[in-house]
Amino acid sequence: MNKLITNKNLIIVNFAIVSYFILILLINFYKIDFVLIGVFREMLTIPFLIAQIIFLVIGIKYLIKNQRNLLTIISVVSLAICTIITIGSFF
């Protein structure tokens, strides 16, 4: 399991999750309404929400145990900010 969670993989996954939610925000802001975009948004939002929380926990544990790389810290902090905004939008 430790071989799967490397510095590079964690950075890629964190930025992919943050990019997805930024893309959803931009789609809602510009009121882009295509059926295919709506289908993908409905199919991917819940898995990305779950992955967001899971990878935030994994990222924090990774930063505590391993060496701290600046890009890894930035990716985990951006994921934490995205998580706060996303979960905060429910309330």
PDB file of N, CA and C in Angstrom:
ATOM      1  N   MET A   1       0.815  -1.196   0.000  1.00  0.00           N
ATOM      2  CA  MET A   1       0.000   0.000   0.000  1.00  0.00           C
ATOM      3  C   MET A   1       0.858   1.260   0.000  1.00  0.00           C
ATOM      4  N   ASN A   2       1.988   1.214   0.692  1.00  0.00           N
ATOM      5  CA  ASN A   2       2.846   2.388   0.766  1.00  0.00           C
ATOM      6  C   ASN A   2       3.481   2.722  -0.579  1.00  0.00           C
ATOM      7  N   LYS A   3       3.679   1.712  -1.429  1.00  0.00           N
ATOM      8  CA  LYS A   3       4.249   1.980  -2.742  1.00  0.00           C
ATOM      9  C   LYS A   3       3.269   2.728  -3.631  1.00  0.00           C
ATOM     10  N   LEU A   4       1.974   2.540  -3.402  1.00  0.00           N
ATOM     11  CA  LEU A   4       0.979   3.226  -4.218  1.00  0.00           C
ATOM     12  C   LEU A   4       0.876   4.704  -3.853  1.00  0.00           C
ATOM     13  N   ILE A   5       1.092   5.029  -2.610  1.00  0.00           N
ATOM     14  CA  ILE A   5       0.985   6.416  -2.170  1.00  0.00           C
ATOM     15  C   ILE A   5       2.378   7.025  -2.159  1.00  0.00           C
ATOM     16  N   THR A   6       2.766   7.534  -3.288  1.00  0.00           N
ATOM     17  CA  THR A   6       4.035   8.243  -3.385  1.00  0.00           C
ATOM     18  C   THR A   6       3.748   9.732  -3.427  1.00  0.00           C
ATOM     19  N   ASN A   7       4.784  10.481  -3.358  1.00  0.00           N
ATOM     20  CA  ASN A   7       4.677  11.928  -3.384  1.00  0.00           C
ATOM     21  C   ASN A   7       4.015  12.394  -4.682  1.00  0.00           C
ATOM     22  N   LYS A   8       4.456  11.850  -5.792  1.00  0.00           N
ATOM     23  CA  LYS A   8       3.950  12.247  -7.102  1.00  0.00           C
ATOM     24  C   LYS A   8       2.483  11.866  -7.272  1.00  0.00           C
ATOM     25  N   ASN A   9       2.124  10.656  -6.879  1.00  0.00           N
ATOM     26  CA  ASN A   9       0.732  10.211  -7.008  1.00  0.00           C
ATOM     27  C   ASN A   9      -0.210  11.040  -6.141  1.00  0.00           C
ATOM     28  N   LEU A  10       0.227  11.370  -4.930  1.00  0.00           N
ATOM     29  CA  LEU A  10      -0.602  12.164  -4.035  1.00  0.00           C
ATOM     30  C   LEU A  10      -0.835  13.562  -4.597  1.00  0.00           C
ATOM     31  N   ILE A  11       0.195  14.156  -5.164  1.00  0.00           N
ATOM     32  CA  ILE A  11       0.061  15.485  -5.761  1.00  0.00           C
ATOM     33  C   ILE A  11      -0.902  15.452  -6.937  1.00  0.00           C
ATOM     34  N   ILE A  12      -0.779  14.454  -7.790  1.00  0.00           N
ATOM     35  CA  ILE A  12      -1.641  14.353  -8.967  1.00  0.00           C
ATOM     36  C   ILE A  12      -3.102  14.174  -8.566  1.00  0.00           C
ATOM     37  N   VAL A  13      -3.363  13.286  -7.623  1.00  0.00           N
ATOM     38  CA  VAL A  13      -4.740  13.025  -7.204  1.00  0.00           C
ATOM     39  C   VAL A  13      -5.334  14.256  -6.515  1.00  0.00           C
ATOM     40  N   ASN A  14      -4.558  14.911  -5.651  1.00  0.00           N
ATOM     41  CA  ASN A  14      -5.073  16.088  -4.957  1.00  0.00           C
ATOM     42  C   ASN A  14      -5.433  17.201  -5.936  1.00  0.00           C
ATOM     43  N   PHE A  15      -4.556  17.464  -6.887  1.00  0.00           N
ATOM     44  CA  PHE A  15      -4.846  18.525  -7.853  1.00  0.00           C
ATOM     45  C   PHE A  15      -5.964  18.133  -8.812  1.00  0.00           C
ATOM     46  N   ALA A  16      -6.128  16.850  -9.086  1.00  0.00           N
ATOM     47  CA  ALA A  16      -7.240  16.411  -9.941  1.00  0.00           C
ATOM     48  C   ALA A  16      -8.574  16.641  -9.237  1.00  0.00           C
ATOM     49  N   ILE A  17      -8.639  16.355  -7.950  1.00  0.00           N
ATOM     50  CA  ILE A  17      -9.871  16.555  -7.190  1.00  0.00           C
ATOM     51  C   ILE A  17     -10.197  18.043  -7.088  1.00  0.00           C
ATOM     52  N   VAL A  18      -9.202  18.849  -6.784  1.00  0.00           N
ATOM     53  CA  VAL A  18      -9.420  20.294  -6.690  1.00  0.00           C
ATOM     54  C   VAL A  18      -9.835  20.860  -8.052  1.00  0.00           C
ATOM     55  N   SER A  19      -9.212  20.384  -9.110  1.00  0.00           N
ATOM     56  CA  SER A  19      -9.560  20.848 -10.458  1.00  0.00           C
ATOM     57  C   SER A  19     -10.995  20.486 -10.823  1.00  0.00           C
ATOM     58  N   TYR A  20     -11.444  19.312 -10.417  1.00  0.00           N
ATOM     59  CA  TYR A  20     -12.817  18.911 -10.701  1.00  0.00           C
ATOM     60  C   TYR A  20     -13.813  19.865 -10.044  1.00  0.00           C
ATOM     61  N   PHE A  21     -13.588  20.187  -8.783  1.00  0.00           N
ATOM     62  CA  PHE A  21     -14.531  21.064  -8.092  1.00  0.00           C
ATOM     63  C   PHE A  21     -14.443  22.506  -8.591  1.00  0.00           C
ATOM     64  N   ILE A  22     -13.278  22.954  -9.018  1.00  0.00           N
ATOM     65  CA  ILE A  22     -13.169  24.273  -9.646  1.00  0.00           C
ATOM     66  C   ILE A  22     -13.920  24.280 -10.968  1.00  0.00           C
ATOM     67  N   LEU A  23     -13.817  23.198 -11.721  1.00  0.00           N
ATOM     68  CA  LEU A  23     -14.547  23.087 -12.988  1.00  0.00           C
ATOM     69  C   LEU A  23     -16.059  23.104 -12.761  1.00  0.00           C
ATOM     70  N   ILE A  24     -16.528  22.410 -11.737  1.00  0.00           N
ATOM     71  CA  ILE A  24     -17.956  22.426 -11.393  1.00  0.00           C
ATOM     72  C   ILE A  24     -18.391  23.838 -11.007  1.00  0.00           C
ATOM     73  N   LEU A  25     -17.554  24.542 -10.249  1.00  0.00           N
ATOM     74  CA  LEU A  25     -17.860  25.914  -9.862  1.00  0.00           C
ATOM     75  C   LEU A  25     -17.958  26.817 -11.087  1.00  0.00           C
ATOM     76  N   LEU A  26     -17.030  26.661 -12.032  1.00  0.00           N
ATOM     77  CA  LEU A  26     -17.053  27.475 -13.243  1.00  0.00           C
ATOM     78  C   LEU A  26     -18.252  27.158 -14.124  1.00  0.00           C
ATOM     79  N   ILE A  27     -18.626  25.896 -14.203  1.00  0.00           N
ATOM     80  CA  ILE A  27     -19.805  25.512 -14.978  1.00  0.00           C
ATOM     81  C   ILE A  27     -21.057  26.143 -14.382  1.00  0.00           C
ATOM     82  N   ASN A  28     -21.160  26.151 -13.074  1.00  0.00           N
ATOM     83  CA  ASN A  28     -22.318  26.780 -12.424  1.00  0.00           C
ATOM     84  C   ASN A  28     -22.277  28.299 -12.542  1.00  0.00           C
ATOM     85  N   PHE A  29     -21.099  28.898 -12.461  1.00  0.00           N
ATOM     86  CA  PHE A  29     -20.976  30.349 -12.528  1.00  0.00           C
ATOM     87  C   PHE A  29     -21.358  30.874 -13.910  1.00  0.00           C
ATOM     88  N   TYR A  30     -20.880  30.201 -14.951  1.00  0.00           N
ATOM     89  CA  TYR A  30     -21.173  30.635 -16.318  1.00  0.00           C
ATOM     90  C   TYR A  30     -22.461  30.033 -16.868  1.00  0.00           C
ATOM     91  N   LYS A  31     -23.151  29.269 -16.042  1.00  0.00           N
ATOM     92  CA  LYS A  31     -24.445  28.674 -16.389  1.00  0.00           C
ATOM     93  C   LYS A  31     -24.391  27.887 -17.708  1.00  0.00           C
ATOM     94  N   ILE A  32     -23.389  27.051 -17.810  1.00  0.00           N
ATOM     95  CA  ILE A  32     -23.234  26.167 -18.969  1.00  0.00           C
ATOM     96  C   ILE A  32     -24.142  24.971 -18.740  1.00  0.00           C
ATOM     97  N   ASP A  33     -25.053  24.747 -19.665  1.00  0.00           N
ATOM     98  CA  ASP A  33     -26.063  23.709 -19.471  1.00  0.00           C
ATOM     99  C   ASP A  33     -26.132  22.807 -20.697  1.00  0.00           C
ATOM    100  N   PHE A  34     -25.273  21.795 -20.716  1.00  0.00           N
ATOM    101  CA  PHE A  34     -25.313  20.772 -21.752  1.00  0.00           C
ATOM    102  C   PHE A  34     -25.658  19.445 -21.077  1.00  0.00           C
ATOM    103  N   VAL A  35     -26.363  18.609 -21.792  1.00  0.00           N
ATOM    104  CA  VAL A  35     -26.810  17.343 -21.212  1.00  0.00           C
ATOM    105  C   VAL A  35     -25.623  16.461 -20.846  1.00  0.00           C
ATOM    106  N   LEU A  36     -24.645  16.371 -21.723  1.00  0.00           N
ATOM    107  CA  LEU A  36     -23.493  15.497 -21.469  1.00  0.00           C
ATOM    108  C   LEU A  36     -22.684  15.967 -20.258  1.00  0.00           C
ATOM    109  N   ILE A  37     -22.538  17.273 -20.111  1.00  0.00           N
ATOM    110  CA  ILE A  37     -21.832  17.798 -18.939  1.00  0.00           C
ATOM    111  C   ILE A  37     -22.622  17.485 -17.677  1.00  0.00           C
ATOM    112  N   GLY A  38     -23.939  17.614 -17.733  1.00  0.00           N
ATOM    113  CA  GLY A  38     -24.783  17.296 -16.581  1.00  0.00           C
ATOM    114  C   GLY A  38     -24.710  15.831 -16.186  1.00  0.00           C
ATOM    115  N   VAL A  39     -24.631  14.969 -17.192  1.00  0.00           N
ATOM    116  CA  VAL A  39     -24.530  13.526 -16.917  1.00  0.00           C
ATOM    117  C   VAL A  39     -23.220  13.216 -16.196  1.00  0.00           C
ATOM    118  N   PHE A  40     -22.123  13.751 -16.714  1.00  0.00           N
ATOM    119  CA  PHE A  40     -20.830  13.499 -16.071  1.00  0.00           C
ATOM    120  C   PHE A  40     -20.759  14.135 -14.689  1.00  0.00           C
ATOM    121  N   ARG A  41     -21.365  15.299 -14.521  1.00  0.00           N
ATOM    122  CA  ARG A  41     -21.360  15.952 -13.221  1.00  0.00           C
ATOM    123  C   ARG A  41     -22.130  15.116 -12.198  1.00  0.00           C
ATOM    124  N   GLU A  42     -23.271  14.585 -12.598  1.00  0.00           N
ATOM    125  CA  GLU A  42     -24.064  13.750 -11.688  1.00  0.00           C
ATOM    126  C   GLU A  42     -23.358  12.442 -11.340  1.00  0.00           C
ATOM    127  N   MET A  43     -22.673  11.861 -12.317  1.00  0.00           N
ATOM    128  CA  MET A  43     -22.001  10.573 -12.076  1.00  0.00           C
ATOM    129  C   MET A  43     -20.736  10.715 -11.232  1.00  0.00           C
ATOM    130  N   LEU A  44     -20.052  11.849 -11.330  1.00  0.00           N
ATOM    131  CA  LEU A  44     -18.737  11.966 -10.705  1.00  0.00           C
ATOM    132  C   LEU A  44     -18.709  12.749  -9.395  1.00  0.00           C
ATOM    133  N   THR A  45     -19.753  13.497  -9.080  1.00  0.00           N
ATOM    134  CA  THR A  45     -19.682  14.367  -7.909  1.00  0.00           C
ATOM    135  C   THR A  45     -19.582  13.587  -6.600  1.00  0.00           C
ATOM    136  N   ILE A  46     -20.413  12.598  -6.397  1.00  0.00           N
ATOM    137  CA  ILE A  46     -20.365  11.834  -5.140  1.00  0.00           C
ATOM    138  C   ILE A  46     -19.053  11.058  -4.982  1.00  0.00           C
ATOM    139  N   PRO A  47     -18.555  10.371  -6.022  1.00  0.00           N
ATOM    140  CA  PRO A  47     -17.245   9.727  -5.848  1.00  0.00           C
ATOM    141  C   PRO A  47     -16.113  10.720  -5.565  1.00  0.00           C
ATOM    142  N   PHE A  48     -16.173  11.901  -6.178  1.00  0.00           N
ATOM    143  CA  PHE A  48     -15.139  12.894  -5.901  1.00  0.00           C
ATOM    144  C   PHE A  48     -15.282  13.480  -4.495  1.00  0.00           C
ATOM    145  N   LEU A  49     -16.490  13.613  -3.993  1.00  0.00           N
ATOM    146  CA  LEU A  49     -16.680  14.060  -2.608  1.00  0.00           C
ATOM    147  C   LEU A  49     -16.075  13.069  -1.616  1.00  0.00           C
ATOM    148  N   ILE A  50     -16.322  11.804  -1.857  1.00  0.00           N
ATOM    149  CA  ILE A  50     -15.770  10.764  -0.979  1.00  0.00           C
ATOM    150  C   ILE A  50     -14.249  10.717  -1.097  1.00  0.00           C
ATOM    151  N   ALA A  51     -13.752  10.805  -2.328  1.00  0.00           N
ATOM    152  CA  ALA A  51     -12.301  10.788  -2.548  1.00  0.00           C
ATOM    153  C   ALA A  51     -11.633  12.008  -1.936  1.00  0.00           C
ATOM    154  N   GLN A  52     -12.343  13.125  -1.934  1.00  0.00           N
ATOM    155  CA  GLN A  52     -11.809  14.346  -1.352  1.00  0.00           C
ATOM    156  C   GLN A  52     -11.520  14.161   0.131  1.00  0.00           C
ATOM    157  N   ILE A  53     -12.431  13.593   0.843  1.00  0.00           N
ATOM    158  CA  ILE A  53     -12.241  13.387   2.285  1.00  0.00           C
ATOM    159  C   ILE A  53     -11.173  12.328   2.542  1.00  0.00           C
ATOM    160  N   ILE A  54     -11.222  11.244   1.785  1.00  0.00           N
ATOM    161  CA  ILE A  54     -10.253  10.163   1.975  1.00  0.00           C
ATOM    162  C   ILE A  54      -8.832  10.636   1.694  1.00  0.00           C
ATOM    163  N   PHE A  55      -8.645  11.344   0.577  1.00  0.00           N
ATOM    164  CA  PHE A  55      -7.290  11.783   0.238  1.00  0.00           C
ATOM    165  C   PHE A  55      -6.815  12.936   1.098  1.00  0.00           C
ATOM    166  N   LEU A  56      -7.716  13.664   1.717  1.00  0.00           N
ATOM    167  CA  LEU A  56      -7.289  14.668   2.684  1.00  0.00           C
ATOM    168  C   LEU A  56      -6.693  13.985   3.917  1.00  0.00           C
ATOM    169  N   VAL A  57      -7.337  12.925   4.381  1.00  0.00           N
ATOM    170  CA  VAL A  57      -6.818  12.167   5.526  1.00  0.00           C
ATOM    171  C   VAL A  57      -5.493  11.491   5.155  1.00  0.00           C
ATOM    172  N   ILE A  58      -5.449  10.888   3.965  1.00  0.00           N
ATOM    173  CA  ILE A  58      -4.209  10.239   3.519  1.00  0.00           C
ATOM    174  C   ILE A  58      -3.084  11.264   3.391  1.00  0.00           C
ATOM    175  N   GLY A  59      -3.394  12.436   2.845  1.00  0.00           N
ATOM    176  CA  GLY A  59      -2.385  13.479   2.672  1.00  0.00           C
ATOM    177  C   GLY A  59      -1.847  13.994   3.992  1.00  0.00           C
ATOM    178  N   ILE A  60      -2.719  14.174   4.971  1.00  0.00           N
ATOM    179  CA  ILE A  60      -2.266  14.641   6.281  1.00  0.00           C
ATOM    180  C   ILE A  60      -1.386  13.585   6.941  1.00  0.00           C
ATOM    181  N   LYS A  61      -1.791  12.311   6.866  1.00  0.00           N
ATOM    182  CA  LYS A  61      -0.954  11.238   7.427  1.00  0.00           C
ATOM    183  C   LYS A  61       0.382  11.154   6.700  1.00  0.00           C
ATOM    184  N   TYR A  62       0.372  11.356   5.376  1.00  0.00           N
ATOM    185  CA  TYR A  62       1.604  11.301   4.587  1.00  0.00           C
ATOM    186  C   TYR A  62       2.548  12.432   4.987  1.00  0.00           C
ATOM    187  N   LEU A  63       1.998  13.615   5.205  1.00  0.00           N
ATOM    188  CA  LEU A  63       2.843  14.741   5.598  1.00  0.00           C
ATOM    189  C   LEU A  63       3.424  14.551   6.996  1.00  0.00           C
ATOM    190  N   ILE A  64       2.680  13.910   7.874  1.00  0.00           N
ATOM    191  CA  ILE A  64       3.179  13.677   9.231  1.00  0.00           C
ATOM    192  C   ILE A  64       4.303  12.646   9.224  1.00  0.00           C
ATOM    193  N   LYS A  65       4.162  11.581   8.435  1.00  0.00           N
ATOM    194  CA  LYS A  65       5.126  10.476   8.459  1.00  0.00           C
ATOM    195  C   LYS A  65       6.368  10.729   7.605  1.00  0.00           C
ATOM    196  N   ASN A  66       6.212  11.362   6.428  1.00  0.00           N
ATOM    197  CA  ASN A  66       7.309  11.449   5.461  1.00  0.00           C
ATOM    198  C   ASN A  66       7.873  12.859   5.389  1.00  0.00           C
ATOM    199  N   GLN A  67       8.891  13.008   4.534  1.00  0.00           N
ATOM    200  CA  GLN A  67       9.492  14.315   4.311  1.00  0.00           C
ATOM    201  C   GLN A  67       8.469  15.257   3.693  1.00  0.00           C
ATOM    202  N   ARG A  68       8.614  16.519   4.007  1.00  0.00           N
ATOM    203  CA  ARG A  68       7.683  17.508   3.489  1.00  0.00           C
ATOM    204  C   ARG A  68       8.252  18.157   2.232  1.00  0.00           C
ATOM    205  N   ASN A  69       7.552  17.983   1.139  1.00  0.00           N
ATOM    206  CA  ASN A  69       7.890  18.620  -0.121  1.00  0.00           C
ATOM    207  C   ASN A  69       6.946  19.803  -0.283  1.00  0.00           C
ATOM    208  N   LEU A  70       7.425  20.909  -0.836  1.00  0.00           N
ATOM    209  CA  LEU A  70       6.602  22.112  -0.952  1.00  0.00           C
ATOM    210  C   LEU A  70       5.366  21.874  -1.805  1.00  0.00           C
ATOM    211  N   LEU A  71       5.508  21.158  -2.901  1.00  0.00           N
ATOM    212  CA  LEU A  71       4.368  20.902  -3.778  1.00  0.00           C
ATOM    213  C   LEU A  71       3.347  19.984  -3.110  1.00  0.00           C
ATOM    214  N   THR A  72       3.803  19.051  -2.316  1.00  0.00           N
ATOM    215  CA  THR A  72       2.891  18.181  -1.577  1.00  0.00           C
ATOM    216  C   THR A  72       2.116  18.980  -0.540  1.00  0.00           C
ATOM    217  N   ILE A  73       2.797  19.876   0.155  1.00  0.00           N
ATOM    218  CA  ILE A  73       2.125  20.708   1.145  1.00  0.00           C
ATOM    219  C   ILE A  73       1.085  21.597   0.476  1.00  0.00           C
ATOM    220  N   ILE A  74       1.427  22.181  -0.664  1.00  0.00           N
ATOM    221  CA  ILE A  74       0.485  23.032  -1.391  1.00  0.00           C
ATOM    222  C   ILE A  74      -0.726  22.235  -1.852  1.00  0.00           C
ATOM    223  N   SER A  75      -0.500  21.012  -2.327  1.00  0.00           N
ATOM    224  CA  SER A  75      -1.626  20.207  -2.812  1.00  0.00           C
ATOM    225  C   SER A  75      -2.550  19.788  -1.666  1.00  0.00           C
ATOM    226  N   VAL A  76      -1.994  19.455  -0.517  1.00  0.00           N
ATOM    227  CA  VAL A  76      -2.826  19.053   0.619  1.00  0.00           C
ATOM    228  C   VAL A  76      -3.576  20.265   1.185  1.00  0.00           C
ATOM    229  N   VAL A  77      -2.923  21.408   1.242  1.00  0.00           N
ATOM    230  CA  VAL A  77      -3.595  22.613   1.737  1.00  0.00           C
ATOM    231  C   VAL A  77      -4.705  23.038   0.780  1.00  0.00           C
ATOM    232  N   SER A  78      -4.447  22.966  -0.529  1.00  0.00           N
ATOM    233  CA  SER A  78      -5.500  23.324  -1.488  1.00  0.00           C
ATOM    234  C   SER A  78      -6.660  22.338  -1.417  1.00  0.00           C
ATOM    235  N   LEU A  79      -6.379  21.075  -1.165  1.00  0.00           N
ATOM    236  CA  LEU A  79      -7.451  20.094  -0.997  1.00  0.00           C
ATOM    237  C   LEU A  79      -8.231  20.366   0.288  1.00  0.00           C
ATOM    238  N   ALA A  80      -7.550  20.787   1.341  1.00  0.00           N
ATOM    239  CA  ALA A  80      -8.239  21.114   2.593  1.00  0.00           C
ATOM    240  C   ALA A  80      -9.145  22.329   2.409  1.00  0.00           C
ATOM    241  N   ILE A  81      -8.668  23.344   1.711  1.00  0.00           N
ATOM    242  CA  ILE A  81      -9.490  24.527   1.446  1.00  0.00           C
ATOM    243  C   ILE A  81     -10.688  24.157   0.583  1.00  0.00           C
ATOM    244  N   CYS A  82     -10.462  23.330  -0.420  1.00  0.00           N
ATOM    245  CA  CYS A  82     -11.553  22.878  -1.290  1.00  0.00           C
ATOM    246  C   CYS A  82     -12.570  22.058  -0.499  1.00  0.00           C
ATOM    247  N   THR A  83     -12.102  21.245   0.421  1.00  0.00           N
ATOM    248  CA  THR A  83     -13.008  20.447   1.248  1.00  0.00           C
ATOM    249  C   THR A  83     -13.851  21.338   2.151  1.00  0.00           C
ATOM    250  N   ILE A  84     -13.241  22.335   2.740  1.00  0.00           N
ATOM    251  CA  ILE A  84     -13.977  23.256   3.613  1.00  0.00           C
ATOM    252  C   ILE A  84     -15.043  23.995   2.816  1.00  0.00           C
ATOM    253  N   ILE A  85     -14.683  24.466   1.642  1.00  0.00           N
ATOM    254  CA  ILE A  85     -15.659  25.190   0.806  1.00  0.00           C
ATOM    255  C   ILE A  85     -16.768  24.261   0.333  1.00  0.00           C
ATOM    256  N   THR A  86     -16.412  23.052  -0.083  1.00  0.00           N
ATOM    257  CA  THR A  86     -17.403  22.113  -0.592  1.00  0.00           C
ATOM    258  C   THR A  86     -18.383  21.673   0.494  1.00  0.00           C
ATOM    259  N   ILE A  87     -17.857  21.268   1.635  1.00  0.00           N
ATOM    260  CA  ILE A  87     -18.730  20.818   2.715  1.00  0.00           C
ATOM    261  C   ILE A  87     -19.485  22.006   3.315  1.00  0.00           C
ATOM    262  N   GLY A  88     -18.849  23.173   3.344  1.00  0.00           N
ATOM    263  CA  GLY A  88     -19.512  24.362   3.830  1.00  0.00           C
ATOM    264  C   GLY A  88     -20.662  24.810   2.945  1.00  0.00           C
ATOM    265  N   SER A  89     -20.654  24.433   1.689  1.00  0.00           N
ATOM    266  CA  SER A  89     -21.746  24.822   0.782  1.00  0.00           C
ATOM    267  C   SER A  89     -23.032  24.027   1.063  1.00  0.00           C
ATOM    268  N   PHE A  90     -22.922  22.946   1.823  1.00  0.00           N
ATOM    269  CA  PHE A  90     -24.110  22.173   2.175  1.00  0.00           C
ATOM    270  C   PHE A  90     -24.908  22.836   3.282  1.00  0.00           C
ATOM    271  N   PHE A  91     -24.282  23.683   4.077  1.00  0.00           N
ATOM    272  CA  PHE A  91     -24.942  24.263   5.245  1.00  0.00           C
ATOM    273  C   PHE A  91     -25.280  25.714   5.030  1.00  0.00           C
TER     274      PHE A  91
END
